[in-house]
Amino acid sequence: MSEWKAICRIDDIPVLGARRVARPAGVDVAVFRNAEDQVFALLDRCPHKGGPLSQGIVFGTSVACPLHNWTLGLDDGCAKSPDEGCTPKFAVKVEGGIVHLDAGELATHAIDLERPVAGPRPFATMAILSTEES
């Protein structure tokens, strides 16, 4: 059984936008919301050149990387043809308007990857909403 961490209210994520969830180790997580209010979470790093996916353009169930316009599926983290590569995805659930991420995945998924040495740290980074189990 998964332990879930409350991250934010769904309304804290702009429609067709994203927010970043800071992690103590590894690369941050990007949490996306599309026009249908579906919520997805991917590692905030494009598999191509490491671009911050949280700054990309969300359309349908995809996001376009802001660096080189690679398109990745929000549901699986994989690049659309002809591009190749995937970024890790994270389990998400929304209950009562609150977005939750799997605590185990937050603690272990891709923590061996280093944060980019340069580049913007956008103002949209969020801390985890609560440290108590939901």
Protein backbone atom coordinates (compact mmCIF):
# COMPACT_ATOMS: atom_id res chain seq x y z
CA MET A 1 0.00 0.00 0.00
CA SER A 2 1.35 3.40 -1.00
CA GLU A 3 1.87 6.28 1.36
CA TRP A 4 0.73 9.51 -0.26
CA LYS A 5 2.08 13.02 0.35
CA ALA A 6 -0.24 16.00 -0.02
CA ILE A 7 1.53 18.39 -2.38
CA CYS A 8 -0.86 21.25 -3.17
CA ARG A 9 -4.41 22.14 -4.11
CA ILE A 10 -5.25 21.44 -7.74
CA ASP A 11 -6.01 25.15 -8.12
CA ASP A 12 -2.38 25.91 -7.22
CA ILE A 13 -1.39 24.44 -10.59
CA PRO A 14 -2.38 26.67 -13.50
CA VAL A 15 -4.51 25.10 -16.23
CA LEU A 16 -2.11 24.12 -19.05
CA GLY A 17 0.78 24.76 -16.70
CA ALA A 18 3.01 23.22 -14.07
CA ARG A 19 4.60 23.67 -10.68
CA ARG A 20 7.79 22.17 -9.32
CA VAL A 21 8.02 20.10 -6.17
CA ALA A 22 11.39 20.41 -4.46
CA ARG A 23 13.03 17.22 -3.22
CA PRO A 24 15.94 17.01 -0.78
CA ALA A 25 17.89 14.76 -3.18
CA GLY A 26 17.88 14.42 -6.94
CA VAL A 27 16.05 16.44 -9.54
CA ASP A 28 12.77 18.18 -8.65
CA VAL A 29 9.40 16.86 -9.82
CA ALA A 30 7.15 18.77 -12.22
CA VAL A 31 3.40 18.49 -11.57
CA PHE A 32 1.26 19.36 -14.61
CA ARG A 33 -2.43 20.17 -15.11
CA ASN A 34 -4.11 20.00 -18.50
CA ALA A 35 -7.32 21.61 -19.78
CA GLU A 36 -9.39 18.62 -18.58
CA ASP A 37 -8.02 19.03 -15.01
CA GLN A 38 -5.98 15.83 -15.32
CA VAL A 39 -2.83 15.96 -13.20
CA PHE A 40 0.47 14.29 -14.10
CA ALA A 41 3.94 14.25 -12.54
CA LEU A 42 7.29 13.77 -14.25
CA LEU A 43 10.89 14.32 -13.31
CA ASP A 44 11.57 17.97 -14.17
CA ARG A 45 14.21 17.07 -16.72
CA CYS A 46 13.91 16.43 -20.45
CA PRO A 47 15.74 13.25 -21.53
CA HIS A 48 17.28 15.16 -24.46
CA LYS A 49 19.31 18.01 -22.96
CA GLY A 50 18.00 18.19 -19.39
CA GLY A 51 15.62 21.08 -20.00
CA PRO A 52 13.15 22.01 -17.23
CA LEU A 53 9.86 20.45 -18.34
CA SER A 54 7.97 22.55 -15.77
CA GLN A 55 8.68 25.55 -18.02
CA GLY A 56 7.34 23.79 -21.13
CA ILE A 57 4.04 24.20 -22.95
CA VAL A 58 1.27 21.79 -21.91
CA PHE A 59 -1.21 20.68 -24.58
CA GLY A 60 -3.57 17.71 -24.36
CA THR A 61 -1.64 15.00 -22.52
CA SER A 62 1.77 16.24 -23.68
CA VAL A 63 4.39 18.82 -22.77
CA ALA A 64 6.87 20.50 -25.11
CA CYS A 65 10.36 20.99 -23.67
CA PRO A 66 11.26 24.70 -23.60
CA LEU A 67 14.80 24.09 -24.89
CA HIS A 68 14.39 22.16 -28.14
CA ASN A 69 10.63 21.58 -28.40
CA TRP A 70 10.77 17.83 -27.80
CA THR A 71 7.26 16.56 -27.04
CA LEU A 72 6.83 14.13 -24.14
CA GLY A 73 3.72 12.26 -23.05
CA LEU A 74 2.54 13.36 -19.63
CA ASP A 75 1.09 9.91 -18.98
CA ASP A 76 4.33 7.99 -19.58
CA GLY A 77 7.20 10.52 -19.75
CA CYS A 78 8.29 9.25 -23.17
CA ALA A 79 9.29 11.38 -26.15
CA LYS A 80 7.03 11.32 -29.19
CA SER A 81 8.39 9.99 -32.48
CA PRO A 82 10.80 10.66 -34.13
CA ASP A 83 12.51 11.59 -30.85
CA GLU A 84 13.47 8.90 -28.35
CA GLY A 85 13.95 8.77 -24.60
CA CYS A 86 11.90 8.92 -21.41
CA THR A 87 11.94 10.77 -18.13
CA PRO A 88 10.64 9.06 -14.97
CA LYS A 89 6.96 9.50 -14.14
CA PHE A 90 5.48 9.66 -10.63
CA ALA A 91 2.16 8.28 -9.38
CA VAL A 92 -0.43 11.01 -8.75
CA LYS A 93 -3.88 11.06 -7.22
CA VAL A 94 -6.29 13.92 -6.60
CA GLU A 95 -8.73 13.64 -3.71
CA GLY A 96 -10.95 16.42 -2.48
CA GLY A 97 -9.10 18.91 -4.67
CA ILE A 98 -5.72 18.02 -3.12
CA VAL A 99 -2.90 16.64 -5.29
CA HIS A 100 -0.91 13.78 -3.76
CA LEU A 101 2.31 12.10 -4.90
CA ASP A 102 3.54 8.67 -3.87
CA ALA A 103 5.93 9.28 -0.95
CA GLY A 104 8.07 6.26 -1.77
CA GLU A 105 8.60 7.44 -5.33
CA LEU A 106 9.42 10.97 -4.15
CA ALA A 107 12.11 9.53 -1.90
CA THR A 108 13.61 7.08 -4.38
CA HIS A 109 12.81 7.83 -8.07
CA ALA A 110 15.88 9.17 -9.88
CA ILE A 111 17.56 10.54 -6.74
CA ASP A 112 20.93 9.57 -8.19
CA LEU A 113 20.56 12.22 -10.91
CA GLU A 114 22.22 15.53 -10.15
CA ARG A 115 20.46 18.85 -10.38
CA PRO A 116 21.49 21.00 -13.34
CA VAL A 117 24.50 23.19 -12.50
CA ALA A 118 23.13 26.21 -14.31
CA GLY A 119 19.81 27.54 -15.41
CA PRO A 120 16.88 29.29 -13.84
CA ARG A 121 15.21 28.14 -10.64
CA PRO A 122 11.68 29.36 -11.37
CA PHE A 123 9.54 31.02 -8.76
CA ALA A 124 7.00 28.22 -9.14
CA THR A 125 8.89 25.75 -6.95
CA MET A 126 6.68 24.37 -4.17
CA ALA A 127 7.51 22.68 -0.93
CA ILE A 128 5.45 19.66 0.06
CA LEU A 129 2.14 20.77 1.56
CA SER A 130 2.21 18.42 4.52
CA THR A 131 4.59 15.94 6.08
CA GLU A 132 1.80 13.97 7.70
CA GLU A 133 0.25 10.92 6.08
CA SER A 134 -3.00 11.58 4.26
